[in-house]
Amino acid sequence: IDLASLDANRYVASAMVNAFIAMIAAPLFVAYCRHKPSPRWRR
């Protein structure tokens, strides 16, 4: 798409940095999505 008229390598490098951060955050996302609250905390 070339939104900012940058070199293609900069887009891919930025995306890979974000993917690396997403790899680190993946276990936290899974823990958040699969968490079942205990019955005493439910309304």
PDB file of all heavy atoms in Angstrom:
ATOM      1  N   ILE A   1       0.829  -1.207   0.000  1.00  0.00           N
ATOM      2  CA  ILE A   1       0.000   0.000   0.000  1.00  0.00           C
ATOM      3  C   ILE A   1       0.858   1.251   0.000  1.00  0.00           C
ATOM      4  O   ILE A   1       0.520   2.246  -0.645  1.00  0.00           O
ATOM      5  CB  ILE A   1      -0.952  -0.010   1.215  1.00  0.00           C
ATOM      6  CG1 ILE A   1      -1.954  -1.149   1.081  1.00  0.00           C
ATOM      7  CG2 ILE A   1      -1.689   1.306   1.338  1.00  0.00           C
ATOM      8  CD1 ILE A   1      -2.808  -1.349   2.304  1.00  0.00           C
ATOM      9  N   ASP A   2       1.993   1.218   0.714  1.00  0.00           N
ATOM     10  CA  ASP A   2       2.962   2.320   0.783  1.00  0.00           C
ATOM     11  C   ASP A   2       2.303   3.603   1.290  1.00  0.00           C
ATOM     12  O   ASP A   2       2.224   4.617   0.589  1.00  0.00           O
ATOM     13  CB  ASP A   2       3.630   2.531  -0.567  1.00  0.00           C
ATOM     14  CG  ASP A   2       4.898   3.337  -0.458  1.00  0.00           C
ATOM     15  OD1 ASP A   2       5.476   3.372   0.642  1.00  0.00           O
ATOM     16  OD2 ASP A   2       5.313   3.928  -1.464  1.00  0.00           O
ATOM     17  N   LEU A   3       1.838   3.577   2.527  1.00  0.00           N
ATOM     18  CA  LEU A   3       1.134   4.715   3.115  1.00  0.00           C
ATOM     19  C   LEU A   3       2.037   5.925   3.335  1.00  0.00           C
ATOM     20  O   LEU A   3       1.642   7.054   3.077  1.00  0.00           O
ATOM     21  CB  LEU A   3       0.509   4.319   4.452  1.00  0.00           C
ATOM     22  CG  LEU A   3      -0.655   3.341   4.381  1.00  0.00           C
ATOM     23  CD1 LEU A   3      -1.077   2.946   5.781  1.00  0.00           C
ATOM     24  CD2 LEU A   3      -1.807   3.953   3.632  1.00  0.00           C
ATOM     25  N   ALA A   4       3.256   5.703   3.814  1.00  0.00           N
ATOM     26  CA  ALA A   4       4.118   6.817   4.201  1.00  0.00           C
ATOM     27  C   ALA A   4       5.300   7.020   3.258  1.00  0.00           C
ATOM     28  O   ALA A   4       6.229   7.741   3.587  1.00  0.00           O
ATOM     29  CB  ALA A   4       4.634   6.601   5.616  1.00  0.00           C
ATOM     30  N   SER A   5       5.273   6.387   2.110  1.00  0.00           N
ATOM     31  CA  SER A   5       6.346   6.494   1.113  1.00  0.00           C
ATOM     32  C   SER A   5       7.708   6.141   1.709  1.00  0.00           C
ATOM     33  O   SER A   5       8.692   6.841   1.498  1.00  0.00           O
ATOM     34  CB  SER A   5       6.380   7.884   0.497  1.00  0.00           C
ATOM     35  OG  SER A   5       5.164   8.154  -0.143  1.00  0.00           O
ATOM     36  N   LEU A   6       7.747   5.067   2.460  1.00  0.00           N
ATOM     37  CA  LEU A   6       9.001   4.592   3.044  1.00  0.00           C
ATOM     38  C   LEU A   6       9.530   3.419   2.238  1.00  0.00           C
ATOM     39  O   LEU A   6       8.858   2.880   1.361  1.00  0.00           O
ATOM     40  CB  LEU A   6       8.779   4.150   4.495  1.00  0.00           C
ATOM     41  CG  LEU A   6       8.402   5.228   5.502  1.00  0.00           C
ATOM     42  CD1 LEU A   6       8.128   4.590   6.841  1.00  0.00           C
ATOM     43  CD2 LEU A   6       9.486   6.260   5.620  1.00  0.00           C
ATOM     44  N   ASP A   7      10.746   3.027   2.554  1.00  0.00           N
ATOM     45  CA  ASP A   7      11.334   1.850   1.957  1.00  0.00           C
ATOM     46  C   ASP A   7      10.567   0.613   2.434  1.00  0.00           C
ATOM     47  O   ASP A   7      10.082   0.566   3.569  1.00  0.00           O
ATOM     48  CB  ASP A   7      12.799   1.773   2.395  1.00  0.00           C
ATOM     49  CG  ASP A   7      13.623   0.882   1.520  1.00  0.00           C
ATOM     50  OD1 ASP A   7      13.191   0.616   0.392  1.00  0.00           O
ATOM     51  OD2 ASP A   7      14.704   0.477   1.967  1.00  0.00           O
ATOM     52  N   ALA A   8      10.440  -0.391   1.581  1.00  0.00           N
ATOM     53  CA  ALA A   8       9.696  -1.602   1.951  1.00  0.00           C
ATOM     54  C   ALA A   8      10.339  -2.317   3.132  1.00  0.00           C
ATOM     55  O   ALA A   8       9.647  -2.927   3.952  1.00  0.00           O
ATOM     56  CB  ALA A   8       9.603  -2.532   0.755  1.00  0.00           C
ATOM     57  N   ASN A   9      11.670  -2.229   3.251  1.00  0.00           N
ATOM     58  CA  ASN A   9      12.355  -2.881   4.369  1.00  0.00           C
ATOM     59  C   ASN A   9      11.963  -2.278   5.706  1.00  0.00           C
ATOM     60  O   ASN A   9      11.921  -2.976   6.719  1.00  0.00           O
ATOM     61  CB  ASN A   9      13.872  -2.775   4.187  1.00  0.00           C
ATOM     62  CG  ASN A   9      14.353  -3.571   3.004  1.00  0.00           C
ATOM     63  OD1 ASN A   9      13.729  -4.552   2.629  1.00  0.00           O
ATOM     64  ND2 ASN A   9      15.447  -3.139   2.410  1.00  0.00           N
ATOM     65  N   ARG A  10      11.671  -1.001   5.734  1.00  0.00           N
ATOM     66  CA  ARG A  10      11.262  -0.372   7.002  1.00  0.00           C
ATOM     67  C   ARG A  10       9.902  -0.875   7.460  1.00  0.00           C
ATOM     68  O   ARG A  10       9.669  -1.054   8.657  1.00  0.00           O
ATOM     69  CB  ARG A  10      11.231   1.141   6.854  1.00  0.00           C
ATOM     70  CG  ARG A  10      12.607   1.734   6.718  1.00  0.00           C
ATOM     71  CD  ARG A  10      12.521   3.231   6.652  1.00  0.00           C
ATOM     72  NE  ARG A  10      13.842   3.790   6.406  1.00  0.00           N
ATOM     73  CZ  ARG A  10      14.342   4.776   7.094  1.00  0.00           C
ATOM     74  NH1 ARG A  10      13.639   5.329   8.058  1.00  0.00           N
ATOM     75  NH2 ARG A  10      15.539   5.224   6.807  1.00  0.00           N
ATOM     76  N   TYR A  11       8.997  -1.075   6.511  1.00  0.00           N
ATOM     77  CA  TYR A  11       7.686  -1.629   6.874  1.00  0.00           C
ATOM     78  C   TYR A  11       7.828  -3.033   7.451  1.00  0.00           C
ATOM     79  O   TYR A  11       7.235  -3.354   8.482  1.00  0.00           O
ATOM     80  CB  TYR A  11       6.763  -1.677   5.653  1.00  0.00           C
ATOM     81  CG  TYR A  11       6.262  -0.344   5.190  1.00  0.00           C
ATOM     82  CD1 TYR A  11       6.541   0.111   3.918  1.00  0.00           C
ATOM     83  CD2 TYR A  11       5.476   0.444   6.020  1.00  0.00           C
ATOM     84  CE1 TYR A  11       6.066   1.329   3.482  1.00  0.00           C
ATOM     85  CE2 TYR A  11       5.003   1.665   5.596  1.00  0.00           C
ATOM     86  CZ  TYR A  11       5.297   2.106   4.330  1.00  0.00           C
ATOM     87  OH  TYR A  11       4.830   3.304   3.902  1.00  0.00           O
ATOM     88  N   VAL A  12       8.610  -3.860   6.788  1.00  0.00           N
ATOM     89  CA  VAL A  12       8.780  -5.241   7.246  1.00  0.00           C
ATOM     90  C   VAL A  12       9.512  -5.276   8.586  1.00  0.00           C
ATOM     91  O   VAL A  12       9.152  -6.045   9.479  1.00  0.00           O
ATOM     92  CB  VAL A  12       9.513  -6.076   6.172  1.00  0.00           C
ATOM     93  CG1 VAL A  12       9.813  -7.471   6.682  1.00  0.00           C
ATOM     94  CG2 VAL A  12       8.680  -6.145   4.903  1.00  0.00           C
ATOM     95  N   ALA A  13      10.520  -4.431   8.757  1.00  0.00           N
ATOM     96  CA  ALA A  13      11.248  -4.390  10.034  1.00  0.00           C
ATOM     97  C   ALA A  13      10.335  -3.941  11.172  1.00  0.00           C
ATOM     98  O   ALA A  13      10.372  -4.507  12.271  1.00  0.00           O
ATOM     99  CB  ALA A  13      12.448  -3.457   9.919  1.00  0.00           C
ATOM    100  N   SER A  14       9.512  -2.948  10.911  1.00  0.00           N
ATOM    101  CA  SER A  14       8.571  -2.492  11.939  1.00  0.00           C
ATOM    102  C   SER A  14       7.556  -3.577  12.276  1.00  0.00           C
ATOM    103  O   SER A  14       7.211  -3.781  13.443  1.00  0.00           O
ATOM    104  CB  SER A  14       7.861  -1.228  11.465  1.00  0.00           C
ATOM    105  OG  SER A  14       6.880  -0.843  12.388  1.00  0.00           O
ATOM    106  N   ALA A  15       7.102  -4.278  11.260  1.00  0.00           N
ATOM    107  CA  ALA A  15       6.140  -5.352  11.503  1.00  0.00           C
ATOM    108  C   ALA A  15       6.771  -6.489  12.295  1.00  0.00           C
ATOM    109  O   ALA A  15       6.124  -7.084  13.153  1.00  0.00           O
ATOM    110  CB  ALA A  15       5.596  -5.870  10.180  1.00  0.00           C
ATOM    111  N   MET A  16       8.034  -6.786  12.030  1.00  0.00           N
ATOM    112  CA  MET A  16       8.685  -7.862  12.762  1.00  0.00           C
ATOM    113  C   MET A  16       8.962  -7.475  14.212  1.00  0.00           C
ATOM    114  O   MET A  16       8.918  -8.332  15.097  1.00  0.00           O
ATOM    115  CB  MET A  16       9.974  -8.289  12.060  1.00  0.00           C
ATOM    116  CG  MET A  16       9.728  -8.982  10.726  1.00  0.00           C
ATOM    117  SD  MET A  16       8.471 -10.275  10.775  1.00  0.00           S
ATOM    118  CE  MET A  16       9.256 -11.482  11.796  1.00  0.00           C
ATOM    119  N   VAL A  17       9.224  -6.208  14.467  1.00  0.00           N
ATOM    120  CA  VAL A  17       9.366  -5.750  15.854  1.00  0.00           C
ATOM    121  C   VAL A  17       8.038  -5.919  16.586  1.00  0.00           C
ATOM    122  O   VAL A  17       7.991  -6.417  17.721  1.00  0.00           O
ATOM    123  CB  VAL A  17       9.845  -4.285  15.895  1.00  0.00           C
ATOM    124  CG1 VAL A  17       9.689  -3.705  17.283  1.00  0.00           C
ATOM    125  CG2 VAL A  17      11.283  -4.194  15.444  1.00  0.00           C
ATOM    126  N   ASN A  18       6.945  -5.532  15.940  1.00  0.00           N
ATOM    127  CA  ASN A  18       5.631  -5.710  16.553  1.00  0.00           C
ATOM    128  C   ASN A  18       5.290  -7.188  16.725  1.00  0.00           C
ATOM    129  O   ASN A  18       4.664  -7.577  17.713  1.00  0.00           O
ATOM    130  CB  ASN A  18       4.559  -5.023  15.713  1.00  0.00           C
ATOM    131  CG  ASN A  18       4.650  -3.529  15.804  1.00  0.00           C
ATOM    132  OD1 ASN A  18       4.987  -2.980  16.839  1.00  0.00           O
ATOM    133  ND2 ASN A  18       4.360  -2.850  14.713  1.00  0.00           N
ATOM    134  N   ALA A  19       5.704  -8.030  15.786  1.00  0.00           N
ATOM    135  CA  ALA A  19       5.461  -9.472  15.909  1.00  0.00           C
ATOM    136  C   ALA A  19       6.254 -10.060  17.062  1.00  0.00           C
ATOM    137  O   ALA A  19       5.761 -10.935  17.777  1.00  0.00           O
ATOM    138  CB  ALA A  19       5.810 -10.174  14.602  1.00  0.00           C
ATOM    139  N   PHE A  20       7.485  -9.589  17.255  1.00  0.00           N
ATOM    140  CA  PHE A  20       8.286 -10.070  18.387  1.00  0.00           C
ATOM    141  C   PHE A  20       7.635  -9.689  19.714  1.00  0.00           C
ATOM    142  O   PHE A  20       7.574 -10.503  20.646  1.00  0.00           O
ATOM    143  CB  PHE A  20       9.705  -9.509  18.299  1.00  0.00           C
ATOM    144  CG  PHE A  20      10.592  -9.960  19.412  1.00  0.00           C
ATOM    145  CD1 PHE A  20      11.049 -11.261  19.455  1.00  0.00           C
ATOM    146  CD2 PHE A  20      10.958  -9.092  20.430  1.00  0.00           C
ATOM    147  CE1 PHE A  20      11.868 -11.693  20.492  1.00  0.00           C
ATOM    148  CE2 PHE A  20      11.770  -9.511  21.459  1.00  0.00           C
ATOM    149  CZ  PHE A  20      12.232 -10.816  21.489  1.00  0.00           C
ATOM    150  N   ILE A  21       7.131  -8.477  19.813  1.00  0.00           N
ATOM    151  CA  ILE A  21       6.430  -8.061  21.027  1.00  0.00           C
ATOM    152  C   ILE A  21       5.156  -8.879  21.213  1.00  0.00           C
ATOM    153  O   ILE A  21       4.797  -9.256  22.335  1.00  0.00           O
ATOM    154  CB  ILE A  21       6.148  -6.548  20.988  1.00  0.00           C
ATOM    155  CG1 ILE A  21       7.457  -5.768  20.993  1.00  0.00           C
ATOM    156  CG2 ILE A  21       5.279  -6.125  22.168  1.00  0.00           C
ATOM    157  CD1 ILE A  21       7.294  -4.291  20.712  1.00  0.00           C
ATOM    158  N   ALA A  22       4.468  -9.191  20.108  1.00  0.00           N
ATOM    159  CA  ALA A  22       3.265 -10.022  20.191  1.00  0.00           C
ATOM    160  C   ALA A  22       3.609 -11.438  20.637  1.00  0.00           C
ATOM    161  O   ALA A  22       2.816 -12.079  21.342  1.00  0.00           O
ATOM    162  CB  ALA A  22       2.549 -10.042  18.851  1.00  0.00           C
ATOM    163  N   MET A  23       4.779 -11.936  20.233  1.00  0.00           N
ATOM    164  CA  MET A  23       5.211 -13.262  20.694  1.00  0.00           C
ATOM    165  C   MET A  23       5.432 -13.267  22.207  1.00  0.00           C
ATOM    166  O   MET A  23       5.113 -14.241  22.887  1.00  0.00           O
ATOM    167  CB  MET A  23       6.500 -13.675  19.987  1.00  0.00           C
ATOM    168  CG  MET A  23       6.325 -14.072  18.548  1.00  0.00           C
ATOM    169  SD  MET A  23       7.883 -14.312  17.689  1.00  0.00           S
ATOM    170  CE  MET A  23       8.589 -15.668  18.576  1.00  0.00           C
ATOM    171  N   ILE A  24       5.981 -12.186  22.719  1.00  0.00           N
ATOM    172  CA  ILE A  24       6.197 -12.087  24.166  1.00  0.00           C
ATOM    173  C   ILE A  24       4.863 -11.945  24.905  1.00  0.00           C
ATOM    174  O   ILE A  24       4.667 -12.507  25.979  1.00  0.00           O
ATOM    175  CB  ILE A  24       7.138 -10.909  24.476  1.00  0.00           C
ATOM    176  CG1 ILE A  24       8.526 -11.196  23.918  1.00  0.00           C
ATOM    177  CG2 ILE A  24       7.209 -10.632  25.967  1.00  0.00           C
ATOM    178  CD1 ILE A  24       9.473 -10.035  23.982  1.00  0.00           C
ATOM    179  N   ALA A  25       3.933 -11.209  24.316  1.00  0.00           N
ATOM    180  CA  ALA A  25       2.648 -10.963  24.965  1.00  0.00           C
ATOM    181  C   ALA A  25       1.637 -12.095  24.759  1.00  0.00           C
ATOM    182  O   ALA A  25       0.593 -12.096  25.408  1.00  0.00           O
ATOM    183  CB  ALA A  25       2.049  -9.657  24.453  1.00  0.00           C
ATOM    184  N   ALA A  26       1.931 -13.057  23.896  1.00  0.00           N
ATOM    185  CA  ALA A  26       0.975 -14.135  23.598  1.00  0.00           C
ATOM    186  C   ALA A  26       0.552 -14.928  24.835  1.00  0.00           C
ATOM    187  O   ALA A  26      -0.647 -15.188  25.008  1.00  0.00           O
ATOM    188  CB  ALA A  26       1.544 -15.053  22.519  1.00  0.00           C
ATOM    189  N   PRO A  27       1.473 -15.335  25.722  1.00  0.00           N
ATOM    190  CA  PRO A  27       1.001 -16.053  26.916  1.00  0.00           C
ATOM    191  C   PRO A  27       0.083 -15.213  27.804  1.00  0.00           C
ATOM    192  O   PRO A  27      -0.850 -15.739  28.408  1.00  0.00           O
ATOM    193  CB  PRO A  27       2.295 -16.404  27.658  1.00  0.00           C
ATOM    194  CG  PRO A  27       3.360 -16.368  26.637  1.00  0.00           C
ATOM    195  CD  PRO A  27       2.940 -15.336  25.648  1.00  0.00           C
ATOM    196  N   LEU A  28       0.327 -13.914  27.851  1.00  0.00           N
ATOM    197  CA  LEU A  28      -0.556 -13.050  28.642  1.00  0.00           C
ATOM    198  C   LEU A  28      -1.937 -12.938  28.001  1.00  0.00           C
ATOM    199  O   LEU A  28      -2.950 -12.935  28.697  1.00  0.00           O
ATOM    200  CB  LEU A  28       0.076 -11.666  28.794  1.00  0.00           C
ATOM    201  CG  LEU A  28       1.437 -11.640  29.489  1.00  0.00           C
ATOM    202  CD1 LEU A  28       2.028 -10.246  29.443  1.00  0.00           C
ATOM    203  CD2 LEU A  28       1.310 -12.125  30.908  1.00  0.00           C
ATOM    204  N   PHE A  29      -1.970 -12.844  26.672  1.00  0.00           N
ATOM    205  CA  PHE A  29      -3.256 -12.824  25.967  1.00  0.00           C
ATOM    206  C   PHE A  29      -4.023 -14.119  26.200  1.00  0.00           C
ATOM    207  O   PHE A  29      -5.238 -14.096  26.431  1.00  0.00           O
ATOM    208  CB  PHE A  29      -3.059 -12.617  24.470  1.00  0.00           C
ATOM    209  CG  PHE A  29      -2.697 -11.222  24.054  1.00  0.00           C
ATOM    210  CD1 PHE A  29      -2.109 -10.999  22.823  1.00  0.00           C
ATOM    211  CD2 PHE A  29      -2.938 -10.143  24.865  1.00  0.00           C
ATOM    212  CE1 PHE A  29      -1.774  -9.724  22.414  1.00  0.00           C
ATOM    213  CE2 PHE A  29      -2.605  -8.867  24.484  1.00  0.00           C
ATOM    214  CZ  PHE A  29      -2.023  -8.661  23.253  1.00  0.00           C
ATOM    215  N   VAL A  30      -3.329 -15.253  26.138  1.00  0.00           N
ATOM    216  CA  VAL A  30      -3.987 -16.544  26.355  1.00  0.00           C
ATOM    217  C   VAL A  30      -4.505 -16.648  27.786  1.00  0.00           C
ATOM    218  O   VAL A  30      -5.627 -17.092  28.016  1.00  0.00           O
ATOM    219  CB  VAL A  30      -3.024 -17.712  26.025  1.00  0.00           C
ATOM    220  CG1 VAL A  30      -3.593 -19.045  26.464  1.00  0.00           C
ATOM    221  CG2 VAL A  30      -2.717 -17.730  24.537  1.00  0.00           C
ATOM    222  N   ALA A  31      -3.702 -16.224  28.739  1.00  0.00           N
ATOM    223  CA  ALA A  31      -4.143 -16.271  30.137  1.00  0.00           C
ATOM    224  C   ALA A  31      -5.358 -15.377  30.352  1.00  0.00           C
ATOM    225  O   ALA A  31      -6.277 -15.731  31.097  1.00  0.00           O
ATOM    226  CB  ALA A  31      -3.004 -15.853  31.064  1.00  0.00           C
ATOM    227  N   TYR A  32      -5.379 -14.229  29.694  1.00  0.00           N
ATOM    228  CA  TYR A  32      -6.518 -13.322  29.831  1.00  0.00           C
ATOM    229  C   TYR A  32      -7.775 -13.913  29.196  1.00  0.00           C
ATOM    230  O   TYR A  32      -8.860 -13.837  29.769  1.00  0.00           O
ATOM    231  CB  TYR A  32      -6.193 -11.973  29.188  1.00  0.00           C
ATOM    232  CG  TYR A  32      -7.352 -11.020  29.168  1.00  0.00           C
ATOM    233  CD1 TYR A  32      -7.773 -10.382  30.320  1.00  0.00           C
ATOM    234  CD2 TYR A  32      -8.042 -10.769  27.990  1.00  0.00           C
ATOM    235  CE1 TYR A  32      -8.843  -9.516  30.306  1.00  0.00           C
ATOM    236  CE2 TYR A  32      -9.115  -9.904  27.969  1.00  0.00           C
ATOM    237  CZ  TYR A  32      -9.517  -9.281  29.122  1.00  0.00           C
ATOM    238  OH  TYR A  32     -10.581  -8.440  29.097  1.00  0.00           O
ATOM    239  N   CYS A  33      -7.638 -14.504  28.025  1.00  0.00           N
ATOM    240  CA  CYS A  33      -8.814 -15.010  27.309  1.00  0.00           C
ATOM    241  C   CYS A  33      -9.339 -16.313  27.888  1.00  0.00           C
ATOM    242  O   CYS A  33     -10.525 -16.600  27.791  1.00  0.00           O
ATOM    243  CB  CYS A  33      -8.478 -15.212  25.836  1.00  0.00           C
ATOM    244  SG  CYS A  33      -8.215 -13.679  24.955  1.00  0.00           S
ATOM    245  N   ARG A  34      -8.490 -17.122  28.484  1.00  0.00           N
ATOM    246  CA  ARG A  34      -8.923 -18.415  29.001  1.00  0.00           C
ATOM    247  C   ARG A  34      -9.221 -18.392  30.497  1.00  0.00           C
ATOM    248  O   ARG A  34      -9.589 -19.410  31.073  1.00  0.00           O
ATOM    249  CB  ARG A  34      -7.878 -19.478  28.694  1.00  0.00           C
ATOM    250  CG  ARG A  34      -7.767 -19.715  27.194  1.00  0.00           C
ATOM    251  CD  ARG A  34      -6.861 -20.833  26.856  1.00  0.00           C
ATOM    252  NE  ARG A  34      -7.258 -22.132  27.348  1.00  0.00           N
ATOM    253  CZ  ARG A  34      -8.046 -22.980  26.697  1.00  0.00           C
ATOM    254  NH1 ARG A  34      -8.534 -22.652  25.533  1.00  0.00           N
ATOM    255  NH2 ARG A  34      -8.334 -24.150  27.214  1.00  0.00           N
ATOM    256  N   HIS A  35      -9.081 -17.235  31.133  1.00  0.00           N
ATOM    257  CA  HIS A  35      -9.322 -17.126  32.568  1.00  0.00           C
ATOM    258  C   HIS A  35     -10.815 -17.246  32.858  1.00  0.00           C
ATOM    259  O   HIS A  35     -11.640 -16.581  32.245  1.00  0.00           O
ATOM    260  CB  HIS A  35      -8.807 -15.791  33.091  1.00  0.00           C
ATOM    261  CG  HIS A  35      -9.147 -15.539  34.525  1.00  0.00           C
ATOM    262  ND1 HIS A  35      -8.575 -16.251  35.550  1.00  0.00           N
ATOM    263  CD2 HIS A  35     -10.005 -14.667  35.092  1.00  0.00           C
ATOM    264  CE1 HIS A  35      -9.079 -15.826  36.688  1.00  0.00           C
ATOM    265  NE2 HIS A  35      -9.940 -14.861  36.442  1.00  0.00           N
ATOM    266  N   LYS A  36     -11.138 -18.095  33.790  1.00  0.00           N
ATOM    267  CA  LYS A  36     -12.519 -18.247  34.256  1.00  0.00           C
ATOM    268  C   LYS A  36     -12.575 -17.735  35.688  1.00  0.00           C
ATOM    269  O   LYS A  36     -11.927 -18.284  36.577  1.00  0.00           O
ATOM    270  CB  LYS A  36     -12.953 -19.706  34.218  1.00  0.00           C
ATOM    271  CG  LYS A  36     -12.793 -20.367  32.872  1.00  0.00           C
ATOM    272  CD  LYS A  36     -13.798 -19.842  31.893  1.00  0.00           C
ATOM    273  CE  LYS A  36     -13.707 -20.620  30.608  1.00  0.00           C
ATOM    274  NZ  LYS A  36     -13.457 -19.831  29.452  1.00  0.00           N
ATOM    275  N   PRO A  37     -13.333 -16.673  35.952  1.00  0.00           N
ATOM    276  CA  PRO A  37     -13.370 -16.135  37.321  1.00  0.00           C
ATOM    277  C   PRO A  37     -14.011 -17.130  38.288  1.00  0.00           C
ATOM    278  O   PRO A  37     -14.884 -17.909  37.911  1.00  0.00           O
ATOM    279  CB  PRO A  37     -14.215 -14.876  37.200  1.00  0.00           C
ATOM    280  CG  PRO A  37     -14.919 -14.978  35.907  1.00  0.00           C
ATOM    281  CD  PRO A  37     -14.144 -15.913  35.035  1.00  0.00           C
ATOM    282  N   SER A  38     -13.562 -17.104  39.526  1.00  0.00           N
ATOM    283  CA  SER A  38     -14.113 -18.008  40.529  1.00  0.00           C
ATOM    284  C   SER A  38     -15.549 -17.603  40.849  1.00  0.00           C
ATOM    285  O   SER A  38     -15.935 -16.455  40.712  1.00  0.00           O
ATOM    286  CB  SER A  38     -13.249 -17.987  41.780  1.00  0.00           C
ATOM    287  OG  SER A  38     -13.290 -16.721  42.378  1.00  0.00           O
ATOM    288  N   PRO A  39     -16.361 -18.564  41.325  1.00  0.00           N
ATOM    289  CA  PRO A  39     -17.781 -18.256  41.587  1.00  0.00           C
ATOM    290  C   PRO A  39     -18.003 -17.178  42.643  1.00  0.00           C
ATOM    291  O   PRO A  39     -18.991 -16.467  42.596  1.00  0.00           O
ATOM    292  CB  PRO A  39     -18.347 -19.593  42.068  1.00  0.00           C
ATOM    293  CG  PRO A  39     -17.400 -20.623  41.616  1.00  0.00           C
ATOM    294  CD  PRO A  39     -16.062 -19.974  41.501  1.00  0.00           C
ATOM    295  N   ARG A  40     -17.079 -17.029  43.588  1.00  0.00           N
ATOM    296  CA  ARG A  40     -17.328 -16.045  44.645  1.00  0.00           C
ATOM    297  C   ARG A  40     -17.144 -14.618  44.128  1.00  0.00           C
ATOM    298  O   ARG A  40     -17.574 -13.670  44.768  1.00  0.00           O
ATOM    299  CB  ARG A  40     -16.417 -16.296  45.831  1.00  0.00           C
ATOM    300  CG  ARG A  40     -14.968 -16.134  45.537  1.00  0.00           C
ATOM    301  CD  ARG A  40     -14.159 -16.407  46.748  1.00  0.00           C
ATOM    302  NE  ARG A  40     -12.764 -16.383  46.372  1.00  0.00           N
ATOM    303  CZ  ARG A  40     -11.795 -16.242  47.199  1.00  0.00           C
ATOM    304  NH1 ARG A  40     -12.050 -16.131  48.474  1.00  0.00           N
ATOM    305  NH2 ARG A  40     -10.556 -16.233  46.798  1.00  0.00           N
ATOM    306  N   TRP A  41     -16.480 -14.428  42.985  1.00  0.00           N
ATOM    307  CA  TRP A  41     -16.285 -13.095  42.433  1.00  0.00           C
ATOM    308  C   TRP A  41     -17.312 -12.734  41.365  1.00  0.00           C
ATOM    309  O   TRP A  41     -17.308 -11.634  40.851  1.00  0.00           O
ATOM    310  CB  TRP A  41     -14.882 -12.965  41.840  1.00  0.00           C
ATOM    311  CG  TRP A  41     -13.827 -13.048  42.882  1.00  0.00           C
ATOM    312  CD1 TRP A  41     -13.000 -14.088  43.123  1.00  0.00           C
ATOM    313  CD2 TRP A  41     -13.511 -12.068  43.874  1.00  0.00           C
ATOM    314  NE1 TRP A  41     -12.178 -13.829  44.178  1.00  0.00           N
ATOM    315  CE2 TRP A  41     -12.458 -12.581  44.654  1.00  0.00           C
ATOM    316  CE3 TRP A  41     -14.007 -10.795  44.158  1.00  0.00           C
ATOM    317  CZ2 TRP A  41     -11.915 -11.874  45.712  1.00  0.00           C
ATOM    318  CZ3 TRP A  41     -13.434 -10.088  45.205  1.00  0.00           C
ATOM    319  CH2 TRP A  41     -12.412 -10.631  45.974  1.00  0.00           C
ATOM    320  N   ARG A  42     -18.171 -13.656  41.025  1.00  0.00           N
ATOM    321  CA  ARG A  42     -19.193 -13.371  40.025  1.00  0.00           C
ATOM    322  C   ARG A  42     -20.345 -12.609  40.645  1.00  0.00           C
ATOM    323  O   ARG A  42     -20.718 -12.810  41.791  1.00  0.00           O
ATOM    324  CB  ARG A  42     -19.729 -14.668  39.422  1.00  0.00           C
ATOM    325  CG  ARG A  42     -18.737 -15.342  38.565  1.00  0.00           C
ATOM    326  CD  ARG A  42     -19.374 -16.532  37.867  1.00  0.00           C
ATOM    327  NE  ARG A  42     -18.346 -17.291  37.182  1.00  0.00           N
ATOM    328  CZ  ARG A  42     -18.429 -18.558  36.917  1.00  0.00           C
ATOM    329  NH1 ARG A  42     -19.491 -19.241  37.255  1.00  0.00           N
ATOM    330  NH2 ARG A  42     -17.455 -19.164  36.290  1.00  0.00           N
ATOM    331  N   ARG A  43     -20.910 -11.735  39.855  1.00  0.00           N
ATOM    332  CA  ARG A  43     -22.098 -11.005  40.319  1.00  0.00           C
ATOM    333  C   ARG A  43     -23.313 -11.891  40.173  1.00  0.00           C
ATOM    334  O   ARG A  43     -23.457 -12.646  39.232  1.00  0.00           O
ATOM    335  CB  ARG A  43     -22.299  -9.734  39.512  1.00  0.00           C
ATOM    336  CG  ARG A  43     -21.219  -8.729  39.734  1.00  0.00           C
ATOM    337  CD  ARG A  43     -21.512  -7.497  38.961  1.00  0.00           C
ATOM    338  NE  ARG A  43     -20.417  -6.554  39.146  1.00  0.00           N
ATOM    339  CZ  ARG A  43     -20.374  -5.379  38.586  1.00  0.00           C
ATOM    340  NH1 ARG A  43     -21.341  -4.975  37.809  1.00  0.00           N
ATOM    341  NH2 ARG A  43     -19.360  -4.589  38.799  1.00  0.00           N
TER     342      ARG A  43
END
